[in-house]
Amino acid sequence: MEPRYPKHLNVLLPCFVVLGIMAGLVAYAPELYRAFCGATGYGGTTQRAYSDPTTSSDQTVTVAFDSNVAPDLPWRFEPEQRSVTVRLGEQKLVFFTAENLGSESIVAHATFNVTPETSGAYFNKIQCFCFNEERLGPHQKVEMPVVFYVDPAFAKDSDNAQVDTITLSYTLLRSVNPDQAKNLARFEANATPDAIHGEQLFTQRCSACHALDSNKTGPMLRGVVGRKAGSAAGYHYSQALQSAALTWSTDSLDRWLADPKSFVPGVRMPVRVLDAPSRRDLVAYLQKVSQGRDNPADSNRPVSGGEY
């Protein structure tokens, strides 16, 4: 008689595989759900953007703001403006104020969504305090920036044909993960610049067009602090920047990032960094790498086009 173990294994092994898959799905269900909501805008989940919108529209939409605080969190939290009207594809900067009314440091995090839910897939945040666990010291008060835009594709979605107002809602909750918190003091005007955060921002928002040691769509940026504008070797600049009597300093780079086309009329630089803390950290990073080694000679090859 042949042993029956192989036959039993043929039944048991698929069962164990199915059970393992089910256990994995249960364990990762929250992450999978968040990924699904982020990809589809389900439930009014907003999108996270790492770059500016590439198109804009003359059509406008009103964005209203709603703020709430959990009962066990002794914070005051409110928008500095109740609503703004924006063009589709227009990057917009708004502020929320948070104040810790308690006598100890507290870490909080924000949950958020937009209504109507059909607008979630088109509402993009570039900068938001809601990305992190946030710590606020006792009786400390800060202004927190939010930078967002509404994708022009919003107007082409029939589900949004009658929508003229999007409401962005936040609820602050006491954090269950305080060890991972960032300090909201970084938003204060006298905060020390954070070059490490600046490097992260550079990777997220600048690296598609810029490298440190080679020309891409934009010029190389190692050594930019202290360099004459329009002088990176091998890069084809706009006439406006070539003619600008400008040497890049930390102050001039801050003004450039805030609104390059206003700072030097006629340039083609398409990107703005509206919130001052992000600009401060980006400039700190550029200053740090400018104090490093010189640009390598083999990076001075000419490139076609040019944005600046």
C-alpha atoms as a PDB file:
ATOM      1  CA  MET A   1       0.000   0.000   0.000  1.00  0.00           C
ATOM      2  CA  GLU A   2       1.317   3.432  -0.950  1.00  0.00           C
ATOM      3  CA  PRO A   3       1.660   5.985   1.848  1.00  0.00           C
ATOM      4  CA  ARG A   4      -1.045   8.648   1.832  1.00  0.00           C
ATOM      5  CA  TYR A   5       1.196  11.482   3.059  1.00  0.00           C
ATOM      6  CA  PRO A   6       1.900  12.912  -0.414  1.00  0.00           C
ATOM      7  CA  LYS A   7      -1.832  13.126  -1.105  1.00  0.00           C
ATOM      8  CA  HIS A   8      -2.415  14.900   2.202  1.00  0.00           C
ATOM      9  CA  LEU A   9       0.383  17.322   1.418  1.00  0.00           C
ATOM     10  CA  ASN A  10      -1.217  18.108  -1.936  1.00  0.00           C
ATOM     11  CA  VAL A  11      -4.263  19.304  -0.020  1.00  0.00           C
ATOM     12  CA  LEU A  12      -2.543  20.933   2.942  1.00  0.00           C
ATOM     13  CA  LEU A  13       0.101  22.948   1.093  1.00  0.00           C
ATOM     14  CA  PRO A  14      -2.411  25.006  -0.958  1.00  0.00           C
ATOM     15  CA  CYS A  15      -4.388  25.601   2.241  1.00  0.00           C
ATOM     16  CA  PHE A  16      -1.294  26.909   4.024  1.00  0.00           C
ATOM     17  CA  VAL A  17      -0.501  29.146   1.049  1.00  0.00           C
ATOM     18  CA  VAL A  18      -4.020  30.593   1.045  1.00  0.00           C
ATOM     19  CA  LEU A  19      -3.891  31.111   4.823  1.00  0.00           C
ATOM     20  CA  GLY A  20      -0.513  32.841   4.485  1.00  0.00           C
ATOM     21  CA  ILE A  21      -1.857  35.180   1.800  1.00  0.00           C
ATOM     22  CA  MET A  22      -4.914  35.979   3.907  1.00  0.00           C
ATOM     23  CA  ALA A  23      -2.748  36.680   6.965  1.00  0.00           C
ATOM     24  CA  GLY A  24      -0.559  38.998   4.879  1.00  0.00           C
ATOM     25  CA  LEU A  25      -3.570  40.861   3.545  1.00  0.00           C
ATOM     26  CA  VAL A  26      -4.895  41.341   7.070  1.00  0.00           C
ATOM     27  CA  ALA A  27      -1.509  42.581   8.326  1.00  0.00           C
ATOM     28  CA  TYR A  28      -1.073  45.043   5.485  1.00  0.00           C
ATOM     29  CA  ALA A  29      -4.729  45.997   5.085  1.00  0.00           C
ATOM     30  CA  PRO A  30      -4.291  49.544   6.502  1.00  0.00           C
ATOM     31  CA  GLU A  31      -1.373  50.267   4.151  1.00  0.00           C
ATOM     32  CA  LEU A  32      -3.215  48.779   1.188  1.00  0.00           C
ATOM     33  CA  TYR A  33      -6.319  50.789   2.034  1.00  0.00           C
ATOM     34  CA  ARG A  34      -4.311  54.021   2.298  1.00  0.00           C
ATOM     35  CA  ALA A  35      -2.602  53.284  -1.008  1.00  0.00           C
ATOM     36  CA  PHE A  36      -5.956  52.613  -2.656  1.00  0.00           C
ATOM     37  CA  CYS A  37      -7.463  55.829  -1.264  1.00  0.00           C
ATOM     38  CA  GLY A  38      -4.408  57.827  -2.276  1.00  0.00           C
ATOM     39  CA  ALA A  39      -4.495  56.496  -5.816  1.00  0.00           C
ATOM     40  CA  THR A  40      -8.224  56.937  -6.356  1.00  0.00           C
ATOM     41  CA  GLY A  41      -9.212  59.806  -4.051  1.00  0.00           C
ATOM     42  CA  TYR A  42     -11.718  57.466  -2.419  1.00  0.00           C
ATOM     43  CA  GLY A  43     -13.436  58.998   0.602  1.00  0.00           C
ATOM     44  CA  GLY A  44     -12.119  62.437  -0.260  1.00  0.00           C
ATOM     45  CA  THR A  45      -8.476  61.415   0.185  1.00  0.00           C
ATOM     46  CA  THR A  46      -6.207  64.101  -1.244  1.00  0.00           C
ATOM     47  CA  GLN A  47      -3.136  63.498  -3.397  1.00  0.00           C
ATOM     48  CA  ARG A  48       0.480  64.267  -2.506  1.00  0.00           C
ATOM     49  CA  ALA A  49       2.482  66.097  -5.154  1.00  0.00           C
ATOM     50  CA  TYR A  50       6.258  66.565  -5.283  1.00  0.00           C
ATOM     51  CA  SER A  51       6.308  69.081  -8.119  1.00  0.00           C
ATOM     52  CA  ASP A  52       4.356  72.020  -9.410  1.00  0.00           C
ATOM     53  CA  PRO A  53       1.410  71.578 -11.789  1.00  0.00           C
ATOM     54  CA  THR A  54       2.390  71.605 -15.448  1.00  0.00           C
ATOM     55  CA  THR A  55      -0.843  73.151 -16.753  1.00  0.00           C
ATOM     56  CA  SER A  56      -3.295  75.759 -15.534  1.00  0.00           C
ATOM     57  CA  SER A  57      -6.743  77.008 -16.420  1.00  0.00           C
ATOM     58  CA  ASP A  58      -8.706  80.246 -16.165  1.00  0.00           C
ATOM     59  CA  GLN A  59     -11.519  78.317 -14.519  1.00  0.00           C
ATOM     60  CA  THR A  60     -11.730  78.850 -10.765  1.00  0.00           C
ATOM     61  CA  VAL A  61     -12.963  76.952  -7.740  1.00  0.00           C
ATOM     62  CA  THR A  62     -13.447  78.061  -4.137  1.00  0.00           C
ATOM     63  CA  VAL A  63     -11.560  76.079  -1.502  1.00  0.00           C
ATOM     64  CA  ALA A  64     -13.023  76.368   2.008  1.00  0.00           C
ATOM     65  CA  PHE A  65     -11.256  75.248   5.192  1.00  0.00           C
ATOM     66  CA  ASP A  66     -12.595  73.394   8.210  1.00  0.00           C
ATOM     67  CA  SER A  67     -10.642  72.591  11.387  1.00  0.00           C
ATOM     68  CA  ASN A  68     -11.421  70.338  14.351  1.00  0.00           C
ATOM     69  CA  VAL A  69      -9.575  69.226  17.490  1.00  0.00           C
ATOM     70  CA  ALA A  70     -10.067  65.994  19.435  1.00  0.00           C
ATOM     71  CA  PRO A  71     -11.502  66.513  22.956  1.00  0.00           C
ATOM     72  CA  ASP A  72      -8.352  65.188  24.685  1.00  0.00           C
ATOM     73  CA  LEU A  73      -5.992  67.537  22.797  1.00  0.00           C
ATOM     74  CA  PRO A  74      -5.628  70.972  24.470  1.00  0.00           C
ATOM     75  CA  TRP A  75      -4.790  72.833  21.262  1.00  0.00           C
ATOM     76  CA  ARG A  76      -6.383  75.729  19.470  1.00  0.00           C
ATOM     77  CA  PHE A  77      -6.330  75.075  15.735  1.00  0.00           C
ATOM     78  CA  GLU A  78      -7.904  77.173  12.983  1.00  0.00           C
ATOM     79  CA  PRO A  79      -7.342  78.415   9.437  1.00  0.00           C
ATOM     80  CA  GLU A  80      -6.181  81.999   8.996  1.00  0.00           C
ATOM     81  CA  GLN A  81      -8.642  82.313   6.123  1.00  0.00           C
ATOM     82  CA  ARG A  82     -11.989  80.587   5.801  1.00  0.00           C
ATOM     83  CA  SER A  83     -11.805  80.214   2.021  1.00  0.00           C
ATOM     84  CA  VAL A  84      -9.790  81.174  -1.053  1.00  0.00           C
ATOM     85  CA  THR A  85     -10.646  81.217  -4.741  1.00  0.00           C
ATOM     86  CA  VAL A  86      -8.004  79.628  -6.970  1.00  0.00           C
ATOM     87  CA  ARG A  87      -7.508  78.978 -10.650  1.00  0.00           C
ATOM     88  CA  LEU A  88      -7.266  75.305 -11.553  1.00  0.00           C
ATOM     89  CA  GLY A  89      -3.591  74.401 -11.710  1.00  0.00           C
ATOM     90  CA  GLU A  90      -2.587  77.429  -9.612  1.00  0.00           C
ATOM     91  CA  GLN A  91      -0.273  76.704  -6.694  1.00  0.00           C
ATOM     92  CA  LYS A  92      -1.718  78.321  -3.561  1.00  0.00           C
ATOM     93  CA  LEU A  93      -0.260  78.994  -0.093  1.00  0.00           C
ATOM     94  CA  VAL A  94      -2.530  79.203   2.962  1.00  0.00           C
ATOM     95  CA  PHE A  95      -1.866  79.073   6.697  1.00  0.00           C
ATOM     96  CA  PHE A  96      -3.320  77.342   9.720  1.00  0.00           C
ATOM     97  CA  THR A  97      -2.567  78.474  13.269  1.00  0.00           C
ATOM     98  CA  ALA A  98      -1.925  75.959  16.033  1.00  0.00           C
ATOM     99  CA  GLU A  99      -1.487  76.843  19.706  1.00  0.00           C
ATOM    100  CA  ASN A 100      -0.747  74.461  22.563  1.00  0.00           C
ATOM    101  CA  LEU A 101      -2.887  75.614  25.501  1.00  0.00           C
ATOM    102  CA  GLY A 102      -1.377  73.025  27.840  1.00  0.00           C
ATOM    103  CA  SER A 103       1.669  73.140  30.125  1.00  0.00           C
ATOM    104  CA  GLU A 104       3.603  70.309  28.465  1.00  0.00           C
ATOM    105  CA  SER A 105       4.835  69.420  25.004  1.00  0.00           C
ATOM    106  CA  ILE A 106       2.262  67.436  23.057  1.00  0.00           C
ATOM    107  CA  VAL A 107       2.521  65.533  19.793  1.00  0.00           C
ATOM    108  CA  ALA A 108      -0.448  65.505  17.447  1.00  0.00           C
ATOM    109  CA  HIS A 109      -1.242  64.308  13.970  1.00  0.00           C
ATOM    110  CA  ALA A 110      -3.870  65.409  11.497  1.00  0.00           C
ATOM    111  CA  THR A 111      -6.445  63.396   9.633  1.00  0.00           C
ATOM    112  CA  PHE A 112      -7.863  65.094   6.576  1.00  0.00           C
ATOM    113  CA  ASN A 113     -10.140  64.807   3.580  1.00  0.00           C
ATOM    114  CA  VAL A 114     -11.952  66.939   1.048  1.00  0.00           C
ATOM    115  CA  THR A 115     -15.619  67.140   0.162  1.00  0.00           C
ATOM    116  CA  PRO A 116     -17.259  66.439  -2.122  1.00  0.00           C
ATOM    117  CA  GLU A 117     -15.440  63.127  -2.257  1.00  0.00           C
ATOM    118  CA  THR A 118     -15.257  63.270  -6.062  1.00  0.00           C
ATOM    119  CA  SER A 119     -12.725  66.113  -5.752  1.00  0.00           C
ATOM    120  CA  GLY A 120     -10.166  64.050  -3.824  1.00  0.00           C
ATOM    121  CA  ALA A 121      -8.417  62.688  -6.898  1.00  0.00           C
ATOM    122  CA  TYR A 122      -7.738  66.248  -8.122  1.00  0.00           C
ATOM    123  CA  PHE A 123      -6.718  67.983  -4.885  1.00  0.00           C
ATOM    124  CA  ASN A 124      -2.908  67.942  -4.627  1.00  0.00           C
ATOM    125  CA  LYS A 125      -0.836  68.969  -1.613  1.00  0.00           C
ATOM    126  CA  ILE A 126       2.794  69.953  -2.099  1.00  0.00           C
ATOM    127  CA  GLN A 127       3.455  71.029   1.492  1.00  0.00           C
ATOM    128  CA  CYS A 128       1.379  70.189   4.553  1.00  0.00           C
ATOM    129  CA  PHE A 129       1.853  69.742   8.301  1.00  0.00           C
ATOM    130  CA  CYS A 130      -0.406  66.697   7.945  1.00  0.00           C
ATOM    131  CA  PHE A 131       2.446  64.676   6.434  1.00  0.00           C
ATOM    132  CA  ASN A 132       4.104  64.288   9.856  1.00  0.00           C
ATOM    133  CA  GLU A 133       3.570  63.720  13.548  1.00  0.00           C
ATOM    134  CA  GLU A 134       3.955  67.236  14.969  1.00  0.00           C
ATOM    135  CA  ARG A 135       5.206  68.428  18.391  1.00  0.00           C
ATOM    136  CA  LEU A 136       4.229  71.765  19.926  1.00  0.00           C
ATOM    137  CA  GLY A 137       5.786  73.061  23.132  1.00  0.00           C
ATOM    138  CA  PRO A 138       3.766  74.352  26.101  1.00  0.00           C
ATOM    139  CA  HIS A 139       1.871  77.553  25.222  1.00  0.00           C
ATOM    140  CA  GLN A 140       3.667  77.644  21.872  1.00  0.00           C
ATOM    141  CA  LYS A 141       1.867  79.106  18.851  1.00  0.00           C
ATOM    142  CA  VAL A 142       2.894  78.673  15.198  1.00  0.00           C
ATOM    143  CA  GLU A 143       1.621  79.353  11.706  1.00  0.00           C
ATOM    144  CA  MET A 144       1.698  76.209   9.574  1.00  0.00           C
ATOM    145  CA  PRO A 145       1.779  76.469   5.767  1.00  0.00           C
ATOM    146  CA  VAL A 146      -0.235  74.354   3.364  1.00  0.00           C
ATOM    147  CA  VAL A 147       0.609  74.525  -0.338  1.00  0.00           C
ATOM    148  CA  PHE A 148      -1.854  72.941  -2.747  1.00  0.00           C
ATOM    149  CA  TYR A 149      -3.360  73.060  -6.214  1.00  0.00           C
ATOM    150  CA  VAL A 150      -6.449  71.639  -7.882  1.00  0.00           C
ATOM    151  CA  ASP A 151      -5.662  69.712 -11.047  1.00  0.00           C
ATOM    152  CA  PRO A 152      -7.225  71.251 -14.186  1.00  0.00           C
ATOM    153  CA  ALA A 153      -8.606  67.779 -14.990  1.00  0.00           C
ATOM    154  CA  PHE A 154     -11.104  68.489 -12.202  1.00  0.00           C
ATOM    155  CA  ALA A 155     -13.169  70.542 -14.660  1.00  0.00           C
ATOM    156  CA  LYS A 156     -13.350  67.674 -17.172  1.00  0.00           C
ATOM    157  CA  ASP A 157     -14.850  65.190 -14.701  1.00  0.00           C
ATOM    158  CA  SER A 158     -18.614  65.074 -15.142  1.00  0.00           C
ATOM    159  CA  ASP A 159     -19.007  64.145 -11.467  1.00  0.00           C
ATOM    160  CA  ASN A 160     -17.711  67.607 -10.595  1.00  0.00           C
ATOM    161  CA  ALA A 161     -19.704  69.551 -13.167  1.00  0.00           C
ATOM    162  CA  GLN A 162     -21.817  71.273 -10.497  1.00  0.00           C
ATOM    163  CA  VAL A 163     -19.064  71.613  -7.884  1.00  0.00           C
ATOM    164  CA  ASP A 164     -17.957  75.181  -7.243  1.00  0.00           C
ATOM    165  CA  THR A 165     -16.599  74.726  -3.686  1.00  0.00           C
ATOM    166  CA  ILE A 166     -14.195  72.142  -2.265  1.00  0.00           C
ATOM    167  CA  THR A 167     -13.920  71.919   1.512  1.00  0.00           C
ATOM    168  CA  LEU A 168     -10.598  70.808   2.976  1.00  0.00           C
ATOM    169  CA  SER A 169     -11.145  69.464   6.502  1.00  0.00           C
ATOM    170  CA  TYR A 170      -8.587  68.659   9.198  1.00  0.00           C
ATOM    171  CA  THR A 171      -8.985  66.989  12.567  1.00  0.00           C
ATOM    172  CA  LEU A 172      -6.065  67.099  15.012  1.00  0.00           C
ATOM    173  CA  LEU A 173      -5.666  64.025  17.235  1.00  0.00           C
ATOM    174  CA  ARG A 174      -3.241  63.251  20.038  1.00  0.00           C
ATOM    175  CA  SER A 175      -0.458  61.159  18.539  1.00  0.00           C
ATOM    176  CA  VAL A 176       0.002  57.491  19.364  1.00  0.00           C
ATOM    177  CA  ASN A 177       3.501  57.587  17.835  1.00  0.00           C
ATOM    178  CA  PRO A 178       5.209  60.577  19.524  1.00  0.00           C
ATOM    179  CA  ASP A 179       8.755  59.277  19.027  1.00  0.00           C
ATOM    180  CA  GLN A 180       8.451  59.985  15.302  1.00  0.00           C
ATOM    181  CA  ALA A 181       7.400  63.616  15.782  1.00  0.00           C
ATOM    182  CA  LYS A 182       8.812  66.724  14.167  1.00  0.00           C
ATOM    183  CA  ASN A 183       8.956  70.013  16.001  1.00  0.00           C
ATOM    184  CA  LEU A 184       6.472  72.612  14.770  1.00  0.00           C
ATOM    185  CA  ALA A 185       8.984  75.268  15.853  1.00  0.00           C
ATOM    186  CA  ARG A 186      10.578  74.725  12.430  1.00  0.00           C
ATOM    187  CA  PHE A 187       7.832  76.949  11.008  1.00  0.00           C
ATOM    188  CA  GLU A 188       8.865  79.924  13.130  1.00  0.00           C
ATOM    189  CA  ALA A 189      10.555  82.792  11.287  1.00  0.00           C
ATOM    190  CA  ASN A 190      13.758  82.524  13.367  1.00  0.00           C
ATOM    191  CA  ALA A 191      14.037  78.725  13.104  1.00  0.00           C
ATOM    192  CA  THR A 192      17.467  77.311  12.282  1.00  0.00           C
ATOM    193  CA  PRO A 193      17.616  76.153   8.640  1.00  0.00           C
ATOM    194  CA  ASP A 194      17.659  72.374   8.208  1.00  0.00           C
ATOM    195  CA  ALA A 195      19.992  71.341   5.388  1.00  0.00           C
ATOM    196  CA  ILE A 196      19.043  67.663   5.818  1.00  0.00           C
ATOM    197  CA  HIS A 197      15.389  68.482   5.161  1.00  0.00           C
ATOM    198  CA  GLY A 198      16.569  70.715   2.330  1.00  0.00           C
ATOM    199  CA  GLU A 199      18.276  67.737   0.706  1.00  0.00           C
ATOM    200  CA  GLN A 200      15.028  65.766   0.943  1.00  0.00           C
ATOM    201  CA  LEU A 201      13.140  68.646  -0.668  1.00  0.00           C
ATOM    202  CA  PHE A 202      15.792  68.908  -3.385  1.00  0.00           C
ATOM    203  CA  THR A 203      15.376  65.215  -4.201  1.00  0.00           C
ATOM    204  CA  GLN A 204      11.578  65.467  -4.236  1.00  0.00           C
ATOM    205  CA  ARG A 205      11.044  68.787  -5.976  1.00  0.00           C
ATOM    206  CA  CYS A 206      14.209  69.782  -7.835  1.00  0.00           C
ATOM    207  CA  SER A 207      16.052  66.670  -9.019  1.00  0.00           C
ATOM    208  CA  ALA A 208      13.835  66.127 -12.063  1.00  0.00           C
ATOM    209  CA  CYS A 209      15.387  69.262 -13.591  1.00  0.00           C
ATOM    210  CA  HIS A 210      18.595  69.801 -11.592  1.00  0.00           C
ATOM    211  CA  ALA A 211      21.684  67.868 -10.559  1.00  0.00           C
ATOM    212  CA  LEU A 212      24.556  69.087  -8.450  1.00  0.00           C
ATOM    213  CA  ASP A 213      27.374  68.345 -10.885  1.00  0.00           C
ATOM    214  CA  SER A 214      25.818  68.219 -14.349  1.00  0.00           C
ATOM    215  CA  ASN A 215      23.496  70.301 -16.474  1.00  0.00           C
ATOM    216  CA  LYS A 216      20.029  68.884 -17.090  1.00  0.00           C
ATOM    217  CA  THR A 217      16.894  70.828 -17.978  1.00  0.00           C
ATOM    218  CA  GLY A 218      18.241  73.285 -15.417  1.00  0.00           C
ATOM    219  CA  PRO A 219      21.860  74.192 -14.695  1.00  0.00           C
ATOM    220  CA  MET A 220      24.131  72.392 -12.245  1.00  0.00           C
ATOM    221  CA  LEU A 221      23.709  73.681  -8.708  1.00  0.00           C
ATOM    222  CA  ARG A 222      26.824  72.729  -6.766  1.00  0.00           C
ATOM    223  CA  GLY A 223      28.608  76.005  -6.070  1.00  0.00           C
ATOM    224  CA  VAL A 224      25.570  78.126  -6.900  1.00  0.00           C
ATOM    225  CA  VAL A 225      25.873  80.210  -3.702  1.00  0.00           C
ATOM    226  CA  GLY A 226      28.378  82.928  -4.578  1.00  0.00           C
ATOM    227  CA  ARG A 227      28.161  82.262  -8.328  1.00  0.00           C
ATOM    228  CA  LYS A 228      27.174  84.919 -10.851  1.00  0.00           C
ATOM    229  CA  ALA A 229      23.712  84.248 -12.236  1.00  0.00           C
ATOM    230  CA  GLY A 230      23.710  82.754 -15.717  1.00  0.00           C
ATOM    231  CA  SER A 231      27.316  81.572 -15.548  1.00  0.00           C
ATOM    232  CA  ALA A 232      27.277  77.780 -15.110  1.00  0.00           C
ATOM    233  CA  ALA A 233      29.603  76.445 -17.792  1.00  0.00           C
ATOM    234  CA  GLY A 234      27.973  74.758 -20.778  1.00  0.00           C
ATOM    235  CA  TYR A 235      24.396  75.738 -19.943  1.00  0.00           C
ATOM    236  CA  HIS A 236      22.216  77.720 -22.342  1.00  0.00           C
ATOM    237  CA  TYR A 237      20.490  80.404 -20.255  1.00  0.00           C
ATOM    238  CA  SER A 238      17.704  82.764 -21.172  1.00  0.00           C
ATOM    239  CA  GLN A 239      18.831  86.248 -22.185  1.00  0.00           C
ATOM    240  CA  ALA A 240      17.090  87.656 -19.117  1.00  0.00           C
ATOM    241  CA  LEU A 241      19.255  85.687 -16.694  1.00  0.00           C
ATOM    242  CA  GLN A 242      22.441  86.176 -18.684  1.00  0.00           C
ATOM    243  CA  SER A 243      21.880  89.936 -18.508  1.00  0.00           C
ATOM    244  CA  ALA A 244      20.936  90.027 -14.839  1.00  0.00           C
ATOM    245  CA  ALA A 245      23.534  91.804 -12.715  1.00  0.00           C
ATOM    246  CA  LEU A 246      23.051  89.256  -9.978  1.00  0.00           C
ATOM    247  CA  THR A 247      25.241  87.064  -7.814  1.00  0.00           C
ATOM    248  CA  TRP A 248      23.474  84.246  -6.036  1.00  0.00           C
ATOM    249  CA  SER A 249      23.375  84.741  -2.284  1.00  0.00           C
ATOM    250  CA  THR A 250      21.146  83.049   0.270  1.00  0.00           C
ATOM    251  CA  ASP A 251      18.806  86.065   0.150  1.00  0.00           C
ATOM    252  CA  SER A 252      18.627  86.243  -3.639  1.00  0.00           C
ATOM    253  CA  LEU A 253      18.076  82.487  -3.903  1.00  0.00           C
ATOM    254  CA  ASP A 254      15.200  82.796  -1.439  1.00  0.00           C
ATOM    255  CA  ARG A 255      13.608  85.549  -3.553  1.00  0.00           C
ATOM    256  CA  TRP A 256      14.211  83.517  -6.725  1.00  0.00           C
ATOM    257  CA  LEU A 257      12.555  80.397  -5.341  1.00  0.00           C
ATOM    258  CA  ALA A 258       9.578  82.403  -4.062  1.00  0.00           C
ATOM    259  CA  ASP A 259       8.740  83.825  -7.503  1.00  0.00           C
ATOM    260  CA  PRO A 260      11.464  83.676 -10.177  1.00  0.00           C
ATOM    261  CA  LYS A 261       9.464  85.421 -12.901  1.00  0.00           C
ATOM    262  CA  SER A 262       8.800  88.424 -10.690  1.00  0.00           C
ATOM    263  CA  PHE A 263      12.362  88.514  -9.370  1.00  0.00           C
ATOM    264  CA  VAL A 264      13.967  88.410 -12.834  1.00  0.00           C
ATOM    265  CA  PRO A 265      11.354  89.272 -15.497  1.00  0.00           C
ATOM    266  CA  GLY A 266      11.722  87.285 -18.702  1.00  0.00           C
ATOM    267  CA  VAL A 267      13.119  84.060 -17.233  1.00  0.00           C
ATOM    268  CA  ARG A 268      11.396  80.761 -17.952  1.00  0.00           C
ATOM    269  CA  MET A 269      11.888  79.061 -14.585  1.00  0.00           C
ATOM    270  CA  PRO A 270       8.472  77.392 -13.994  1.00  0.00           C
ATOM    271  CA  VAL A 271       8.784  76.311 -10.360  1.00  0.00           C
ATOM    272  CA  ARG A 272       7.951  78.294  -7.228  1.00  0.00           C
ATOM    273  CA  VAL A 273       8.415  77.317  -3.599  1.00  0.00           C
ATOM    274  CA  LEU A 274       5.775  79.347  -1.822  1.00  0.00           C
ATOM    275  CA  ASP A 275       6.352  78.453   1.819  1.00  0.00           C
ATOM    276  CA  ALA A 276       9.294  80.186   3.492  1.00  0.00           C
ATOM    277  CA  PRO A 277      10.416  77.231   5.701  1.00  0.00           C
ATOM    278  CA  SER A 278      10.915  75.005   2.640  1.00  0.00           C
ATOM    279  CA  ARG A 279      12.828  77.744   0.818  1.00  0.00           C
ATOM    280  CA  ARG A 280      15.014  78.301   3.880  1.00  0.00           C
ATOM    281  CA  ASP A 281      15.905  74.602   4.093  1.00  0.00           C
ATOM    282  CA  LEU A 282      16.530  74.280   0.347  1.00  0.00           C
ATOM    283  CA  VAL A 283      18.870  77.270   0.385  1.00  0.00           C
ATOM    284  CA  ALA A 284      20.671  75.843   3.440  1.00  0.00           C
ATOM    285  CA  TYR A 285      21.285  72.633   1.497  1.00  0.00           C
ATOM    286  CA  LEU A 286      22.539  74.517  -1.574  1.00  0.00           C
ATOM    287  CA  GLN A 287      24.820  76.570   0.642  1.00  0.00           C
ATOM    288  CA  LYS A 288      26.177  73.400   2.221  1.00  0.00           C
ATOM    289  CA  VAL A 289      26.969  71.719  -1.104  1.00  0.00           C
ATOM    290  CA  SER A 290      28.410  74.971  -2.455  1.00  0.00           C
ATOM    291  CA  GLN A 291      31.067  74.771   0.223  1.00  0.00           C
ATOM    292  CA  GLY A 292      32.140  71.335  -1.058  1.00  0.00           C
ATOM    293  CA  ARG A 293      34.335  70.378  -3.974  1.00  0.00           C
ATOM    294  CA  ASP A 294      34.459  72.328  -7.234  1.00  0.00           C
ATOM    295  CA  ASN A 295      32.344  71.365 -10.206  1.00  0.00           C
ATOM    296  CA  PRO A 296      34.048  68.591 -12.188  1.00  0.00           C
ATOM    297  CA  ALA A 297      35.256  69.625 -15.619  1.00  0.00           C
ATOM    298  CA  ASP A 298      33.526  66.761 -17.383  1.00  0.00           C
ATOM    299  CA  SER A 299      30.133  68.140 -16.288  1.00  0.00           C
ATOM    300  CA  ASN A 300      30.563  71.294 -18.382  1.00  0.00           C
ATOM    301  CA  ARG A 301      29.252  69.744 -21.558  1.00  0.00           C
ATOM    302  CA  PRO A 302      26.732  71.903 -23.457  1.00  0.00           C
ATOM    303  CA  VAL A 303      23.064  71.002 -23.345  1.00  0.00           C
ATOM    304  CA  SER A 304      20.271  72.063 -25.650  1.00  0.00           C
ATOM    305  CA  GLY A 305      17.336  74.151 -24.524  1.00  0.00           C
ATOM    306  CA  GLY A 306      17.415  75.634 -21.065  1.00  0.00           C
ATOM    307  CA  GLU A 307      14.762  76.904 -18.691  1.00  0.00           C
ATOM    308  CA  TYR A 308      16.308  79.826 -16.849  1.00  0.00           C
END
